Protein backbone atom coordinates (compact mmCIF):
# COMPACT_ATOMS: atom_id res chain seq x y z
CA MET A 1 48.58 153.56 100.41
CA SER A 2 48.30 151.91 103.42
CA ASP A 3 51.02 149.44 103.50
CA ALA A 4 54.70 149.97 102.71
CA PRO A 5 55.36 150.68 99.02
CA SER A 6 57.07 148.07 97.03
CA LEU A 7 59.91 147.84 96.02
CA ILE A 8 59.20 148.24 92.04
CA MET A 9 56.84 151.44 93.64
CA ILE A 10 59.57 153.13 95.32
CA GLN A 11 61.96 151.91 92.04
CA PHE A 12 59.42 153.70 89.76
CA LEU A 13 58.60 157.13 91.60
CA SER A 14 62.46 157.35 91.56
CA TRP A 15 62.62 157.26 87.94
CA VAL A 16 59.99 159.50 87.43
CA ALA A 17 61.71 162.49 89.81
CA ASP A 18 64.70 162.18 88.49
CA ARG A 19 63.66 163.93 85.56
CA PRO A 20 61.56 165.44 83.23
CA ARG A 21 59.79 162.34 81.50
CA THR A 22 56.77 162.00 78.74
CA TYR A 23 53.85 159.88 78.86
CA ALA A 24 55.31 157.92 75.92
CA GLN A 25 58.51 157.36 77.75
CA THR A 26 56.89 156.14 80.40
CA MET A 27 55.00 154.01 78.62
CA GLU A 28 57.77 152.52 77.12
CA ALA A 29 59.59 151.85 80.26
CA TRP A 30 57.07 150.71 82.29
CA ARG A 31 53.98 149.70 80.37
CA THR A 32 53.27 145.61 81.31
CA THR A 33 50.79 143.47 80.33
CA CYS A 34 51.73 141.24 83.46
CA PRO A 35 49.17 141.89 86.15
CA ARG A 36 51.68 141.51 89.00
CA LEU A 37 53.66 144.07 87.78
CA SER A 38 50.90 146.93 87.30
CA VAL A 39 53.53 149.81 88.49
CA TRP A 40 52.13 152.28 86.50
CA GLU A 41 48.62 151.34 87.10
CA ASP A 42 48.89 151.51 90.79
CA ALA A 43 50.76 154.86 91.17
CA VAL A 44 47.53 156.01 88.91
CA VAL A 45 45.27 155.10 90.82
CA GLU A 46 47.28 155.81 94.47
CA ASP A 47 47.80 158.99 93.07
CA LEU A 48 51.18 158.84 92.85
CA VAL A 49 51.81 161.07 89.67
CA ARG A 50 50.01 162.73 87.44
CA ILE A 51 50.12 163.86 83.47
CA GLU A 52 50.29 167.64 82.87
CA GLY A 53 50.26 169.90 79.73
CA GLU A 54 50.78 169.48 75.83
CA LEU A 55 54.02 167.64 76.72
CA ARG A 56 51.90 165.17 78.90
CA ALA A 57 54.93 165.18 81.14
CA VAL A 58 54.48 162.60 83.77
CA SER A 59 54.85 164.23 87.36
CA LEU A 60 55.23 162.82 91.09
CA THR A 61 51.85 163.93 93.05
CA PRO A 62 52.35 165.62 96.57
CA ARG A 63 51.26 162.90 97.85
CA GLY A 64 53.77 160.67 95.32
CA HIS A 65 56.98 163.09 96.88
CA ALA A 66 55.89 161.99 100.46
CA VAL A 67 55.83 158.47 99.82
CA LEU A 68 59.09 158.23 98.02
CA ARG A 69 60.76 160.16 100.73
CA LYS A 70 59.56 158.04 103.33
CA ALA A 71 61.10 155.27 101.36
CA GLN A 72 64.45 156.50 100.68
CA ALA A 73 65.11 157.49 104.78
CA GLY A 74 64.12 154.31 106.07
CA ILE A 75 66.45 152.67 103.04
CA LYS A 76 69.11 155.08 104.24
CA HIS A 77 68.69 154.23 108.08
CA PRO A 78 67.44 151.04 108.07
CA GLY A 79 67.17 149.77 111.71
CA LYS A 80 68.80 146.69 113.24
CA GLU A 81 65.89 144.25 112.58
CA HIS A 82 65.95 144.99 108.72
CA ALA A 83 70.14 145.58 108.65
CA SER A 84 70.18 141.82 109.69
CA LYS A 85 67.06 140.73 106.89
CA GLU A 86 69.23 142.40 104.47
CA ARG A 87 72.47 140.74 105.50
CA ALA A 88 70.81 137.79 105.58
CA VAL A 89 68.90 137.95 102.10
CA LYS A 90 72.51 138.89 100.98
CA SER A 91 74.05 135.68 102.29
CA ARG A 92 71.37 133.41 100.58
CA SER A 93 71.35 134.93 96.70
CA THR A 94 75.04 134.67 96.86
CA ARG A 95 74.34 130.55 97.55
CA ARG A 96 71.63 129.42 95.02
CA ARG A 97 70.48 130.88 91.34
CA PRO A 98 66.97 131.46 91.32
CA THR A 99 64.74 128.73 89.74
CA ALA A 100 62.74 128.82 85.91
CA VAL A 101 59.37 128.80 88.17
CA GLU A 102 60.69 131.71 90.35
CA SER A 103 60.58 134.38 87.46
CA ARG A 104 59.08 136.59 86.96
CA THR A 105 57.54 136.42 84.07
CA CYS A 106 53.25 136.06 83.27
């Protein structure tokens, strides 16, 4: 993973790390037919998650743990530039509502 992980990838990795999950639970919560939201497939290809044992438990790989730790460290301690961008985004988001074109449906 050469680029920083997307927010949805960080959310997915956090969800997996939160507590034991089965493959069935993961598919119910995260499977999509939208090619723009392929977080499960991307995590498998990037070797961030694995399926183990008879119960088909989904867990983070060592690489997945490292990506999540790095992302969480960046979120907890944003630099000045990141914090000012975040404030600007928050102020913009309170002024307007997204249009139908901006929705993330496929």
